[in-house]
Amino acid sequence: MAMDVRQLLSRNVLRLRHERGWSQEALAEESGLHRTYVSGIERAARNPTVTIVARLAKALAVPVAELFRTK
């Protein structure tokens, strides 16, 4: 069964954040989001808008598509 899109986003945001050695607070600051919102995304508890996804991609310096990469 295919992974839920929120779980996919969650996994990739967490992976990319860890690759950079950033805390949730650091990603929140870079993306202009609240730390608890970033936490919600990483737990797949939030369903962010495309605007929020774009802000995360910009903060992580990756194309939006990278946040939905399956492998």
PDB file of N, CA and C in Angstrom:
ATOM      1  N   MET A   1       0.845  -1.195   0.000  1.00  0.00           N
ATOM      2  CA  MET A   1       0.000   0.000   0.000  1.00  0.00           C
ATOM      3  C   MET A   1       0.887   1.254   0.000  1.00  0.00           C
ATOM      4  N   ALA A   2       0.485   2.242  -0.723  1.00  0.00           N
ATOM      5  CA  ALA A   2       1.244   3.488  -0.819  1.00  0.00           C
ATOM      6  C   ALA A   2       1.235   4.233   0.519  1.00  0.00           C
ATOM      7  N   MET A   3       2.344   4.918   0.769  1.00  0.00           N
ATOM      8  CA  MET A   3       2.458   5.699   1.992  1.00  0.00           C
ATOM      9  C   MET A   3       1.562   6.929   1.903  1.00  0.00           C
ATOM     10  N   ASP A   4       0.899   7.244   2.987  1.00  0.00           N
ATOM     11  CA  ASP A   4       0.088   8.454   3.077  1.00  0.00           C
ATOM     12  C   ASP A   4       0.972   9.663   2.770  1.00  0.00           C
ATOM     13  N   VAL A   5       0.440  10.623   2.049  1.00  0.00           N
ATOM     14  CA  VAL A   5       1.228  11.791   1.632  1.00  0.00           C
ATOM     15  C   VAL A   5       1.747  12.579   2.840  1.00  0.00           C
ATOM     16  N   ARG A   6       0.974  12.626   3.932  1.00  0.00           N
ATOM     17  CA  ARG A   6       1.466  13.322   5.135  1.00  0.00           C
ATOM     18  C   ARG A   6       2.631  12.575   5.758  1.00  0.00           C
ATOM     19  N   GLN A   7       2.584  11.244   5.725  1.00  0.00           N
ATOM     20  CA  GLN A   7       3.696  10.445   6.261  1.00  0.00           C
ATOM     21  C   GLN A   7       4.943  10.615   5.399  1.00  0.00           C
ATOM     22  N   LEU A   8       4.751  10.688   4.098  1.00  0.00           N
ATOM     23  CA  LEU A   8       5.857  10.897   3.173  1.00  0.00           C
ATOM     24  C   LEU A   8       6.517  12.249   3.427  1.00  0.00           C
ATOM     25  N   LEU A   9       5.712  13.287   3.528  1.00  0.00           N
ATOM     26  CA  LEU A   9       6.225  14.622   3.830  1.00  0.00           C
ATOM     27  C   LEU A   9       6.941  14.615   5.183  1.00  0.00           C
ATOM     28  N   SER A  10       6.321  14.004   6.161  1.00  0.00           N
ATOM     29  CA  SER A  10       6.889  13.921   7.500  1.00  0.00           C
ATOM     30  C   SER A  10       8.282  13.296   7.476  1.00  0.00           C
ATOM     31  N   ARG A  11       8.376  12.143   6.840  1.00  0.00           N
ATOM     32  CA  ARG A  11       9.646  11.414   6.779  1.00  0.00           C
ATOM     33  C   ARG A  11      10.737  12.240   6.105  1.00  0.00           C
ATOM     34  N   ASN A  12      10.386  12.905   5.007  1.00  0.00           N
ATOM     35  CA  ASN A  12      11.385  13.675   4.268  1.00  0.00           C
ATOM     36  C   ASN A  12      11.800  14.950   4.985  1.00  0.00           C
ATOM     37  N   VAL A  13      10.862  15.640   5.608  1.00  0.00           N
ATOM     38  CA  VAL A  13      11.228  16.842   6.374  1.00  0.00           C
ATOM     39  C   VAL A  13      12.159  16.453   7.519  1.00  0.00           C
ATOM     40  N   LEU A  14      11.821  15.401   8.220  1.00  0.00           N
ATOM     41  CA  LEU A  14      12.655  14.934   9.339  1.00  0.00           C
ATOM     42  C   LEU A  14      14.050  14.535   8.854  1.00  0.00           C
ATOM     43  N   ARG A  15      14.104  13.781   7.760  1.00  0.00           N
ATOM     44  CA  ARG A  15      15.397  13.349   7.204  1.00  0.00           C
ATOM     45  C   ARG A  15      16.259  14.542   6.808  1.00  0.00           C
ATOM     46  N   LEU A  16      15.662  15.475   6.083  1.00  0.00           N
ATOM     47  CA  LEU A  16      16.416  16.640   5.621  1.00  0.00           C
ATOM     48  C   LEU A  16      16.863  17.518   6.785  1.00  0.00           C
ATOM     49  N   ARG A  17      16.010  17.655   7.775  1.00  0.00           N
ATOM     50  CA  ARG A  17      16.384  18.448   8.953  1.00  0.00           C
ATOM     51  C   ARG A  17      17.559  17.800   9.669  1.00  0.00           C
ATOM     52  N   HIS A  18      17.509  16.492   9.842  1.00  0.00           N
ATOM     53  CA  HIS A  18      18.602  15.776  10.504  1.00  0.00           C
ATOM     54  C   HIS A  18      19.894  15.850   9.691  1.00  0.00           C
ATOM     55  N   GLU A  19      19.785  15.751   8.365  1.00  0.00           N
ATOM     56  CA  GLU A  19      20.969  15.856   7.506  1.00  0.00           C
ATOM     57  C   GLU A  19      21.683  17.187   7.705  1.00  0.00           C
ATOM     58  N   ARG A  20      20.923  18.221   8.024  1.00  0.00           N
ATOM     59  CA  ARG A  20      21.504  19.544   8.234  1.00  0.00           C
ATOM     60  C   ARG A  20      21.952  19.762   9.676  1.00  0.00           C
ATOM     61  N   GLY A  21      21.604  18.832  10.533  1.00  0.00           N
ATOM     62  CA  GLY A  21      21.969  18.973  11.946  1.00  0.00           C
ATOM     63  C   GLY A  21      21.142  20.028  12.657  1.00  0.00           C
ATOM     64  N   TRP A  22      19.947  20.292  12.133  1.00  0.00           N
ATOM     65  CA  TRP A  22      19.084  21.328  12.695  1.00  0.00           C
ATOM     66  C   TRP A  22      18.125  20.758  13.726  1.00  0.00           C
ATOM     67  N   SER A  23      17.802  21.565  14.701  1.00  0.00           N
ATOM     68  CA  SER A  23      16.720  21.269  15.634  1.00  0.00           C
ATOM     69  C   SER A  23      15.403  21.680  14.973  1.00  0.00           C
ATOM     70  N   GLN A  24      14.305  21.267  15.577  1.00  0.00           N
ATOM     71  CA  GLN A  24      13.006  21.737  15.084  1.00  0.00           C
ATOM     72  C   GLN A  24      12.937  23.254  15.192  1.00  0.00           C
ATOM     73  N   GLU A  25      13.497  23.794  16.244  1.00  0.00           N
ATOM     74  CA  GLU A  25      13.511  25.249  16.440  1.00  0.00           C
ATOM     75  C   GLU A  25      14.240  25.945  15.289  1.00  0.00           C
ATOM     76  N   ALA A  26      15.371  25.371  14.863  1.00  0.00           N
ATOM     77  CA  ALA A  26      16.143  25.974  13.767  1.00  0.00           C
ATOM     78  C   ALA A  26      15.344  25.943  12.467  1.00  0.00           C
ATOM     79  N   LEU A  27      14.707  24.812  12.174  1.00  0.00           N
ATOM     80  CA  LEU A  27      13.887  24.738  10.965  1.00  0.00           C
ATOM     81  C   LEU A  27      12.707  25.701  11.054  1.00  0.00           C
ATOM     82  N   ALA A  28      12.112  25.793  12.214  1.00  0.00           N
ATOM     83  CA  ALA A  28      10.993  26.716  12.410  1.00  0.00           C
ATOM     84  C   ALA A  28      11.436  28.149  12.125  1.00  0.00           C
ATOM     85  N   GLU A  29      12.589  28.510  12.642  1.00  0.00           N
ATOM     86  CA  GLU A  29      13.099  29.872  12.433  1.00  0.00           C
ATOM     87  C   GLU A  29      13.388  30.127  10.958  1.00  0.00           C
ATOM     88  N   GLU A  30      14.028  29.171  10.303  1.00  0.00           N
ATOM     89  CA  GLU A  30      14.366  29.317   8.876  1.00  0.00           C
ATOM     90  C   GLU A  30      13.125  29.411   7.992  1.00  0.00           C
ATOM     91  N   SER A  31      12.071  28.717   8.377  1.00  0.00           N
ATOM     92  CA  SER A  31      10.871  28.673   7.550  1.00  0.00           C
ATOM     93  C   SER A  31       9.789  29.656   7.987  1.00  0.00           C
ATOM     94  N   GLY A  32      10.002  30.321   9.123  1.00  0.00           N
ATOM     95  CA  GLY A  32       9.016  31.278   9.607  1.00  0.00           C
ATOM     96  C   GLY A  32       7.792  30.620  10.216  1.00  0.00           C
ATOM     97  N   LEU A  33       7.965  29.382  10.684  1.00  0.00           N
ATOM     98  CA  LEU A  33       6.869  28.645  11.308  1.00  0.00           C
ATOM     99  C   LEU A  33       7.127  28.508  12.806  1.00  0.00           C
ATOM    100  N   HIS A  34       6.128  28.090  13.537  1.00  0.00           N
ATOM    101  CA  HIS A  34       6.289  27.838  14.965  1.00  0.00           C
ATOM    102  C   HIS A  34       6.846  26.435  15.149  1.00  0.00           C
ATOM    103  N   ARG A  35       7.674  26.228  16.159  1.00  0.00           N
ATOM    104  CA  ARG A  35       8.277  24.922  16.389  1.00  0.00           C
ATOM    105  C   ARG A  35       7.235  23.823  16.548  1.00  0.00           C
ATOM    106  N   THR A  36       6.131  24.128  17.221  1.00  0.00           N
ATOM    107  CA  THR A  36       5.108  23.102  17.408  1.00  0.00           C
ATOM    108  C   THR A  36       4.435  22.733  16.087  1.00  0.00           C
ATOM    109  N   TYR A  37       4.395  23.672  15.142  1.00  0.00           N
ATOM    110  CA  TYR A  37       3.845  23.364  13.816  1.00  0.00           C
ATOM    111  C   TYR A  37       4.778  22.417  13.070  1.00  0.00           C
ATOM    112  N   VAL A  38       6.089  22.703  13.153  1.00  0.00           N
ATOM    113  CA  VAL A  38       7.081  21.817  12.540  1.00  0.00           C
ATOM    114  C   VAL A  38       6.966  20.421  13.158  1.00  0.00           C
ATOM    115  N   SER A  39       6.830  20.357  14.453  1.00  0.00           N
ATOM    116  CA  SER A  39       6.654  19.074  15.140  1.00  0.00           C
ATOM    117  C   SER A  39       5.432  18.340  14.609  1.00  0.00           C
ATOM    118  N   GLY A  40       4.334  19.043  14.427  1.00  0.00           N
ATOM    119  CA  GLY A  40       3.118  18.440  13.904  1.00  0.00           C
ATOM    120  C   GLY A  40       3.298  17.889  12.503  1.00  0.00           C
ATOM    121  N   ILE A  41       4.065  18.580  11.693  1.00  0.00           N
ATOM    122  CA  ILE A  41       4.352  18.099  10.339  1.00  0.00           C
ATOM    123  C   ILE A  41       5.194  16.828  10.421  1.00  0.00           C
ATOM    124  N   GLU A  42       6.204  16.835  11.273  1.00  0.00           N
ATOM    125  CA  GLU A  42       7.085  15.680  11.396  1.00  0.00           C
ATOM    126  C   GLU A  42       6.376  14.462  11.999  1.00  0.00           C
ATOM    127  N   ARG A  43       5.316  14.672  12.725  1.00  0.00           N
ATOM    128  CA  ARG A  43       4.530  13.572  13.288  1.00  0.00           C
ATOM    129  C   ARG A  43       3.376  13.183  12.366  1.00  0.00           C
ATOM    130  N   ALA A  44       3.273  13.834  11.216  1.00  0.00           N
ATOM    131  CA  ALA A  44       2.186  13.623  10.252  1.00  0.00           C
ATOM    132  C   ALA A  44       0.831  13.932  10.875  1.00  0.00           C
ATOM    133  N   ALA A  45       0.823  14.818  11.861  1.00  0.00           N
ATOM    134  CA  ALA A  45      -0.414  15.227  12.522  1.00  0.00           C
ATOM    135  C   ALA A  45      -1.013  16.465  11.860  1.00  0.00           C
ATOM    136  N   ARG A  46      -0.213  17.165  11.084  1.00  0.00           N
ATOM    137  CA  ARG A  46      -0.665  18.368  10.377  1.00  0.00           C
ATOM    138  C   ARG A  46      -0.839  18.071   8.905  1.00  0.00           C
ATOM    139  N   ASN A  47      -1.709  18.822   8.276  1.00  0.00           N
ATOM    140  CA  ASN A  47      -1.925  18.732   6.839  1.00  0.00           C
ATOM    141  C   ASN A  47      -1.615  20.113   6.259  1.00  0.00           C
ATOM    142  N   PRO A  48      -0.319  20.402   6.052  1.00  0.00           N
ATOM    143  CA  PRO A  48       0.069  21.757   5.662  1.00  0.00           C
ATOM    144  C   PRO A  48      -0.400  22.134   4.255  1.00  0.00           C
ATOM    145  N   THR A  49      -0.598  23.414   4.064  1.00  0.00           N
ATOM    146  CA  THR A  49      -0.965  23.940   2.747  1.00  0.00           C
ATOM    147  C   THR A  49       0.249  23.897   1.823  1.00  0.00           C
ATOM    148  N   VAL A  50      -0.005  24.081   0.546  1.00  0.00           N
ATOM    149  CA  VAL A  50       1.106  24.114  -0.411  1.00  0.00           C
ATOM    150  C   VAL A  50       2.047  25.281  -0.110  1.00  0.00           C
ATOM    151  N   THR A  51       1.523  26.359   0.415  1.00  0.00           N
ATOM    152  CA  THR A  51       2.355  27.504   0.782  1.00  0.00           C
ATOM    153  C   THR A  51       3.334  27.121   1.892  1.00  0.00           C
ATOM    154  N   ILE A  52       2.860  26.392   2.878  1.00  0.00           N
ATOM    155  CA  ILE A  52       3.729  25.945   3.976  1.00  0.00           C
ATOM    156  C   ILE A  52       4.771  24.968   3.450  1.00  0.00           C
ATOM    157  N   VAL A  53       4.364  24.058   2.586  1.00  0.00           N
ATOM    158  CA  VAL A  53       5.308  23.101   1.995  1.00  0.00           C
ATOM    159  C   VAL A  53       6.390  23.850   1.223  1.00  0.00           C
ATOM    160  N   ALA A  54       6.015  24.872   0.493  1.00  0.00           N
ATOM    161  CA  ALA A  54       6.988  25.676  -0.257  1.00  0.00           C
ATOM    162  C   ALA A  54       7.955  26.384   0.693  1.00  0.00           C
ATOM    163  N   ARG A  55       7.451  26.884   1.814  1.00  0.00           N
ATOM    164  CA  ARG A  55       8.321  27.545   2.805  1.00  0.00           C
ATOM    165  C   ARG A  55       9.320  26.557   3.393  1.00  0.00           C
ATOM    166  N   LEU A  56       8.868  25.345   3.667  1.00  0.00           N
ATOM    167  CA  LEU A  56       9.776  24.314   4.187  1.00  0.00           C
ATOM    168  C   LEU A  56      10.850  23.967   3.163  1.00  0.00           C
ATOM    169  N   ALA A  57      10.445  23.788   1.908  1.00  0.00           N
ATOM    170  CA  ALA A  57      11.400  23.466   0.848  1.00  0.00           C
ATOM    171  C   ALA A  57      12.442  24.573   0.699  1.00  0.00           C
ATOM    172  N   LYS A  58      11.994  25.808   0.734  1.00  0.00           N
ATOM    173  CA  LYS A  58      12.926  26.938   0.625  1.00  0.00           C
ATOM    174  C   LYS A  58      13.892  26.948   1.798  1.00  0.00           C
ATOM    175  N   ALA A  59      13.385  26.764   2.999  1.00  0.00           N
ATOM    176  CA  ALA A  59      14.240  26.757   4.195  1.00  0.00           C
ATOM    177  C   ALA A  59      15.265  25.625   4.127  1.00  0.00           C
ATOM    178  N   LEU A  60      14.846  24.478   3.605  1.00  0.00           N
ATOM    179  CA  LEU A  60      15.736  23.319   3.512  1.00  0.00           C
ATOM    180  C   LEU A  60      16.577  23.336   2.237  1.00  0.00           C
ATOM    181  N   ALA A  61      16.359  24.333   1.381  1.00  0.00           N
ATOM    182  CA  ALA A  61      17.107  24.519   0.122  1.00  0.00           C
ATOM    183  C   ALA A  61      16.988  23.307  -0.797  1.00  0.00           C
ATOM    184  N   VAL A  62      15.749  22.837  -0.947  1.00  0.00           N
ATOM    185  CA  VAL A  62      15.474  21.712  -1.848  1.00  0.00           C
ATOM    186  C   VAL A  62      14.246  22.051  -2.689  1.00  0.00           C
ATOM    187  N   PRO A  63      14.098  21.406  -3.838  1.00  0.00           N
ATOM    188  CA  PRO A  63      12.862  21.580  -4.605  1.00  0.00           C
ATOM    189  C   PRO A  63      11.688  20.988  -3.825  1.00  0.00           C
ATOM    190  N   VAL A  64      10.509  21.509  -4.031  1.00  0.00           N
ATOM    191  CA  VAL A  64       9.310  20.993  -3.355  1.00  0.00           C
ATOM    192  C   VAL A  64       9.178  19.488  -3.583  1.00  0.00           C
ATOM    193  N   ALA A  65       9.485  19.037  -4.771  1.00  0.00           N
ATOM    194  CA  ALA A  65       9.361  17.606  -5.096  1.00  0.00           C
ATOM    195  C   ALA A  65      10.189  16.727  -4.161  1.00  0.00           C
ATOM    196  N   GLU A  66      11.304  17.241  -3.668  1.00  0.00           N
ATOM    197  CA  GLU A  66      12.157  16.474  -2.748  1.00  0.00           C
ATOM    198  C   GLU A  66      11.420  16.117  -1.462  1.00  0.00           C
ATOM    199  N   LEU A  67      10.477  16.951  -1.073  1.00  0.00           N
ATOM    200  CA  LEU A  67       9.719  16.691   0.156  1.00  0.00           C
ATOM    201  C   LEU A  67       8.729  15.554  -0.014  1.00  0.00           C
ATOM    202  N   PHE A  68       8.502  15.127  -1.257  1.00  0.00           N
ATOM    203  CA  PHE A  68       7.570  14.040  -1.540  1.00  0.00           C
ATOM    204  C   PHE A  68       8.258  12.846  -2.201  1.00  0.00           C
ATOM    205  N   ARG A  69       9.583  12.837  -2.132  1.00  0.00           N
ATOM    206  CA  ARG A  69      10.362  11.746  -2.712  1.00  0.00           C
ATOM    207  C   ARG A  69      10.098  10.440  -1.960  1.00  0.00           C
ATOM    208  N   THR A  70       9.936   9.358  -2.700  1.00  0.00           N
ATOM    209  CA  THR A  70       9.620   8.083  -2.055  1.00  0.00           C
ATOM    210  C   THR A  70      10.851   7.270  -1.678  1.00  0.00           C
ATOM    211  N   LYS A  71      11.962   7.502  -2.274  1.00  0.00           N
ATOM    212  CA  LYS A  71      13.179   6.744  -1.931  1.00  0.00           C
ATOM    213  C   LYS A  71      14.323   7.666  -1.683  1.00  0.00           C
TER     214      LYS A  71
END
